[in-house]
């Protein structure tokens, strides 16, 4: 019996020592201007086909086509000559315009300059459809690619008909017959102009180094069915304007006091961008989808009430996470002083979270609390030491008692 008691006491002592010592917590060259002089034949050689007169088609001698060229300094006298084309639109006259210092395009004439180079306005005196067959551009040696773009306008709306890149432009680039696409059908008042070169088209302003060919059709009798559908474009633009009014009205109906200052600025930004980008919409773009996307952007901007609800939800999540994190620490791994320090850290974090006025401050309070808890040193707790000493004392008492009992039996 005595041996059994001794064995139990000794085992308990070893277990206490093992618990005390074994379970401590572990610890991301601008191109140069082109300088050259060209003849009209080098600029354009156009063919007139199937000239239509009062609804009947016929082919006529292109020599009857009359055109005029206007040019002049930005502040100087406009020079003009008119002649009949006897060999297509080509002629052998050379116009030395390379010394001009500015360029300007107006409704009735085109000015030219050294930077913009040679620009012509061709006025066709008959009903016609026209195909440009071989305009040529003589470039310098910096090897630029050419872009050929045809624009058509009815005086109010302008549309890009075709945009084509010419692959080689090392010296003289020739655009072959029909490379600019199908013939254009126009009516009185329409203007077709071709831009040859790398173009930054903005209204009627063109980038430098771009010969521009302008054709004013003064009396075409082509049917509306063959012409670009400017009426549909006008209706579409009217619908765009109405949509912009609805977007503006949606913004006006918002109670701005429901939003923070920053979010009010965001609402203004959404409105301005929406109205500006609406002007870039082209016939065929879905206005319904565009308007829906803008309204959705407005709705995604949070009101003060929505922001506060999100903040309160975040606070509740942070407090729960803080409590769960603290629950992973053991009271017996720390001295009383350090354990009290940890409880103070937790309480301060809870107060900071409750007083936070932004999600960012909530996250900072939670992160700081976790870091502060990690910095508290473990150890220094005498609880297990007293248990161990107690066990040793019990063992010693058992040994002494056993020794006394044995002595008495003797």
Foldseek 3Di string as FASTA:
>chain_A
DLVVVLVVLVVVLVVLVCCVPPPFDDAQDDDDFFADWDFQVQAFFKDWAQFDDPHDTDGDDQQQWKWKWWEDAPPDDIDMDIDGDPRGRGDDDIDNALDHCDWDDDPPHTYDYNFQPDETATETPGATWMWTAWHKAFGAQPKDKKKKWKWKDLVPDIDIPDIDIDRTHRGMDIQHGCNRDDIAHDAASMKMKMWIGDWDDDPPDTGTPIYMYIYHRHGHPDDCVRHPVVVLFVVVVVVLVVLLVVLVVVLVPDDLLQADPVLSVVSVVLNVVLNVVSVVDGPPDDSVVSSVVSVVSNVPRDTPVRQVVVLVVLLVVLLVVLVVVVVVDDPQFAAPVLVVVLVVLNVVLNVQSVPDPHSVSNVVSSVVSVVVNSPRDTDPRCPSVVVSVVSVVVSVVSVVVVVVVVVVVD
